[in-house]
Structures are given as structure tokens and as C-alpha cells.
Amino acid sequence: EGVALDAWAVHQVHHRPGVGVTVGWTVTWRATSGGRTATGTDYLLATTAPVPAARPGVTTAVLGGRPVVVWRHPADPVLPGLERACTPVRVGAALGATRGTPEDQPPPALELVTYRPLRRAVLRARTADGLRYLKVLRPHVTADLLARHAMLRDAGLPVAAAVPLGDGVVALDALDGRPLAE
């Protein structure tokens, strides 16, 4: 892309035995054009897992004769909803539509809670209406998640209301109590 790398550091390694390895790097870069220098920091990921690279921002490099798919977060090749879920204005419009919220509300503050490349992500969205969570999945598993939420709700268990937003993104209401992870 015509930039010079100033620094990079491995952030996380995700090994899925039998599938592949995905590595995330924090990368600091600089570019000089027309006498001006721009700098930036990105989060780049690369995987040996067999995934499609046919999305904008996703490319395939060949290293040591092996194809490696590379992308800049949030352009995950199998989580098409992640880019939208990481964009405050788009999240605000989608969440507002689910609750009939006026369009002049400020966009939510978004925080990435967890990200498992090629698998799932969870974002916390702080809106004027309160706290919501966005679960980003591979689109083909969304119906199963919604069915499990409905089954648990119908059994009388306290589960978060789950609303599909499309492209594998599900909005979940926040619940009181101790997080399951604890």
C-alpha cells in the first residue's frame, strides 16, 4: 500500500487444530506523499485457514508456497457484519430501527469486548436508551442462536432479548446479574 512499517507486535495467536492459525498484529506505519507524512496504527490479521478472500480489504499472499489470507480489522472474510457492527452511525441506525428511536439520537459508543477471528465477536454499545450488546456471527449460524434464545426464554429462563440485524449481527439487551464468564 506504499507505506513503511515503523513497528509491529503480535497481539494474539488463535490456533484451531486441523483448521489453521490466525495471528493478529498491531502495526504502526507511515507514508510520505507530496512532502507530507501521515502515520497510523492498524490491526492486521493473517490466517492459514481456508477462507474466501473475495471481499474488499481482504487479500491473499503466498508465503513459503502457502496461501495466507490477510485483512485489516474489521474486514473479517467470514464475518461480513463486523464492519457494520464497528461503525457507530450504522449501529445507531440499526438499533434505533428495532426500538423506534428517533433518528437524531447520537450514535452509540462502541467497545469491542471480544473478537475471535473467523468465528465471532461481541461489541458493547452504549446508547441514549441504555446498554446493548452486538454479537457478530457467521451468518449461517444466526438462526441457531436465535432459536436457542427463544427456547431458553420459552423455558422461563432469564435470557436477553435477541434481535437479528442482518449479516450475522444480533442485538442483545443487557441483563442484570453476574456475567456468565464469571
Protein backbone atom coordinates (compact mmCIF):
# COMPACT_ATOMS: atom_id res chain seq x y z
CA GLU A 1 0.00 0.00 0.00
CA GLY A 2 3.01 2.28 -0.24
CA VAL A 3 3.60 2.62 3.49
CA ALA A 4 6.65 1.92 5.63
CA LEU A 5 6.21 -0.17 8.74
CA ASP A 6 7.58 1.53 11.84
CA ALA A 7 6.66 -1.15 14.36
CA TRP A 8 4.60 -4.28 14.71
CA ALA A 9 3.83 -6.64 17.53
CA VAL A 10 1.93 -9.89 17.73
CA HIS A 11 -1.21 -9.24 19.72
CA GLN A 12 -2.82 -12.67 19.72
CA VAL A 13 -2.46 -16.11 18.14
CA HIS A 14 -5.57 -18.24 17.52
CA HIS A 15 -4.77 -21.87 16.74
CA ARG A 16 -7.61 -24.08 15.59
CA PRO A 17 -6.17 -27.58 15.25
CA GLY A 18 -6.96 -29.09 11.89
CA VAL A 19 -8.22 -25.76 10.53
CA GLY A 20 -5.40 -23.22 10.68
CA VAL A 21 -3.66 -20.49 12.61
CA THR A 22 -4.71 -16.85 12.71
CA VAL A 23 -2.36 -14.18 14.04
CA GLY A 24 -3.28 -10.59 14.88
CA TRP A 25 -0.70 -7.79 14.81
CA THR A 26 -0.80 -4.22 15.95
CA VAL A 27 1.01 -2.34 13.19
CA THR A 28 2.31 1.26 13.20
CA TRP A 29 3.01 2.73 9.76
CA ARG A 30 3.95 5.94 7.99
CA ALA A 31 3.52 7.16 4.44
CA THR A 32 5.08 10.14 2.72
CA SER A 33 3.42 11.76 -0.27
CA GLY A 34 3.99 15.22 -1.71
CA GLY A 35 6.31 16.14 1.16
CA ARG A 36 3.69 15.28 3.80
CA THR A 37 3.95 12.38 6.18
CA ALA A 38 0.95 10.53 7.54
CA THR A 39 1.13 7.95 10.32
CA GLY A 40 -1.33 5.44 11.64
CA THR A 41 -1.94 2.29 13.60
CA ASP A 42 -3.91 -0.68 12.32
CA TYR A 43 -4.81 -4.14 13.49
CA LEU A 44 -3.89 -6.66 10.79
CA LEU A 45 -4.72 -10.35 10.76
CA ALA A 46 -3.45 -13.25 8.71
CA THR A 47 -4.69 -16.82 8.60
CA THR A 48 -3.70 -20.12 7.11
CA ALA A 49 -7.31 -21.32 7.40
CA PRO A 50 -9.11 -21.86 4.09
CA VAL A 51 -11.33 -18.77 3.79
CA PRO A 52 -12.55 -16.70 0.86
CA ALA A 53 -10.56 -13.56 0.10
CA ALA A 54 -13.17 -12.10 -2.22
CA ARG A 55 -14.09 -9.10 -0.02
CA PRO A 56 -12.76 -5.57 -0.20
CA GLY A 57 -9.83 -5.20 2.19
CA VAL A 58 -9.02 -8.92 2.14
CA THR A 59 -6.12 -10.27 0.11
CA THR A 60 -4.14 -13.46 -0.28
CA ALA A 61 -0.36 -13.51 -0.01
CA VAL A 62 1.80 -16.54 -0.72
CA LEU A 63 4.44 -17.16 1.94
CA GLY A 64 6.75 -20.12 1.59
CA GLY A 65 4.46 -21.53 -1.09
CA ARG A 66 1.45 -21.44 1.23
CA PRO A 67 -1.55 -19.12 0.75
CA VAL A 68 -2.17 -16.77 3.68
CA VAL A 69 -5.30 -14.62 3.78
CA VAL A 70 -4.65 -11.13 5.21
CA TRP A 71 -7.11 -8.42 6.29
CA ARG A 72 -7.34 -5.23 8.29
CA HIS A 73 -9.80 -5.35 11.18
CA PRO A 74 -12.82 -5.18 10.86
CA ALA A 75 -12.87 -6.64 7.30
CA ASP A 76 -13.04 -10.26 8.54
CA PRO A 77 -13.53 -12.51 5.50
CA VAL A 78 -16.24 -14.69 7.10
CA LEU A 79 -17.92 -12.16 9.42
CA PRO A 80 -19.50 -9.75 6.92
CA GLY A 81 -21.44 -7.94 9.65
CA LEU A 82 -18.34 -6.99 11.67
CA GLU A 83 -17.58 -3.83 9.69
CA ARG A 84 -21.14 -2.56 10.18
CA ALA A 85 -21.10 -3.56 13.86
CA CYS A 86 -17.90 -1.49 14.34
CA THR A 87 -19.41 1.65 12.76
CA PRO A 88 -21.27 3.79 15.35
CA VAL A 89 -23.58 5.57 12.89
CA ARG A 90 -24.68 2.31 11.26
CA VAL A 91 -25.17 0.61 14.63
CA GLY A 92 -27.20 3.57 15.88
CA ALA A 93 -29.49 3.41 12.85
CA ALA A 94 -29.96 -0.36 13.18
CA LEU A 95 -30.61 -0.28 16.93
CA GLY A 96 -32.89 2.74 16.61
CA ALA A 97 -34.97 0.93 13.99
CA THR A 98 -35.51 -2.00 16.38
CA ARG A 99 -36.91 0.31 19.08
CA GLY A 100 -38.47 3.11 17.08
CA THR A 101 -35.91 5.57 18.42
CA PRO A 102 -35.80 9.00 16.73
CA GLU A 103 -33.10 9.30 14.08
CA ASP A 104 -31.49 12.36 15.71
CA GLN A 105 -30.07 10.30 18.60
CA PRO A 106 -26.28 10.44 18.92
CA PRO A 107 -24.51 7.31 17.66
CA PRO A 108 -23.63 4.77 20.34
CA ALA A 109 -20.20 4.45 21.88
CA LEU A 110 -18.85 1.06 20.80
CA GLU A 111 -16.37 -1.14 22.64
CA LEU A 112 -15.00 -4.41 21.29
CA VAL A 113 -15.46 -6.92 24.11
CA THR A 114 -14.13 -10.00 22.34
CA TYR A 115 -13.03 -10.97 18.88
CA ARG A 116 -12.31 -14.50 17.70
CA PRO A 117 -11.19 -14.02 14.09
CA LEU A 118 -13.24 -16.01 11.58
CA ARG A 119 -15.61 -17.14 14.40
CA ARG A 120 -17.40 -14.39 16.32
CA ALA A 121 -17.16 -11.01 18.00
CA VAL A 122 -19.06 -9.18 20.72
CA LEU A 123 -19.33 -5.40 20.97
CA ARG A 124 -20.81 -3.32 23.78
CA ALA A 125 -22.97 -0.43 22.54
CA ARG A 126 -23.77 2.41 24.95
CA THR A 127 -26.78 4.26 23.59
CA ALA A 128 -29.03 7.01 24.92
CA ASP A 129 -31.52 4.18 25.66
CA GLY A 130 -29.03 2.10 27.64
CA LEU A 131 -26.62 -0.73 27.12
CA ARG A 132 -26.91 -3.26 24.26
CA TYR A 133 -24.58 -5.96 23.02
CA LEU A 134 -23.90 -6.89 19.43
CA LYS A 135 -22.98 -10.48 18.74
CA VAL A 136 -21.39 -10.92 15.32
CA LEU A 137 -21.51 -14.43 13.91
CA ARG A 138 -21.02 -16.23 10.65
CA PRO A 139 -24.40 -15.57 9.01
CA HIS A 140 -25.33 -19.24 8.60
CA VAL A 141 -25.33 -19.82 12.39
CA THR A 142 -27.50 -16.83 13.31
CA ALA A 143 -30.80 -18.74 13.10
CA ASP A 144 -29.48 -21.38 15.52
CA LEU A 145 -28.51 -18.72 18.09
CA LEU A 146 -31.92 -17.07 17.83
CA ALA A 147 -33.64 -20.46 18.21
CA ARG A 148 -31.61 -21.22 21.36
CA HIS A 149 -32.54 -17.84 22.86
CA ALA A 150 -36.22 -18.47 22.11
CA MET A 151 -36.05 -22.00 23.59
CA LEU A 152 -34.45 -20.73 26.81
CA ARG A 153 -36.93 -17.83 27.05
CA ASP A 154 -39.87 -20.22 26.50
CA ALA A 155 -38.49 -22.43 29.31
CA GLY A 156 -38.72 -19.44 31.65
CA LEU A 157 -35.01 -18.70 31.90
CA PRO A 158 -33.82 -15.08 32.05
CA VAL A 159 -32.26 -14.59 28.61
CA ALA A 160 -31.56 -11.36 26.78
CA ALA A 161 -33.96 -10.31 24.07
CA ALA A 162 -32.23 -11.12 20.77
CA VAL A 163 -32.99 -9.18 17.58
CA PRO A 164 -31.36 -10.05 14.25
CA LEU A 165 -29.88 -7.04 12.44
CA GLY A 166 -28.71 -8.91 9.33
CA ASP A 167 -25.33 -10.15 8.05
CA GLY A 168 -24.86 -12.29 11.16
CA VAL A 169 -25.30 -9.44 13.66
CA VAL A 170 -27.65 -9.98 16.62
CA ALA A 171 -28.53 -7.22 19.10
CA LEU A 172 -28.91 -8.38 22.69
CA ASP A 173 -30.33 -6.45 25.60
CA ALA A 174 -28.18 -6.21 28.71
CA LEU A 175 -29.35 -8.22 31.72
CA ASP A 176 -28.80 -7.56 35.39
CA GLY A 177 -26.75 -10.07 37.31
CA ARG A 178 -23.39 -11.73 37.22
CA PRO A 179 -21.89 -12.33 33.76
CA LEU A 180 -21.73 -15.98 32.72
CA ALA A 181 -17.97 -15.63 32.15
CA GLU A 182 -17.54 -15.04 35.89
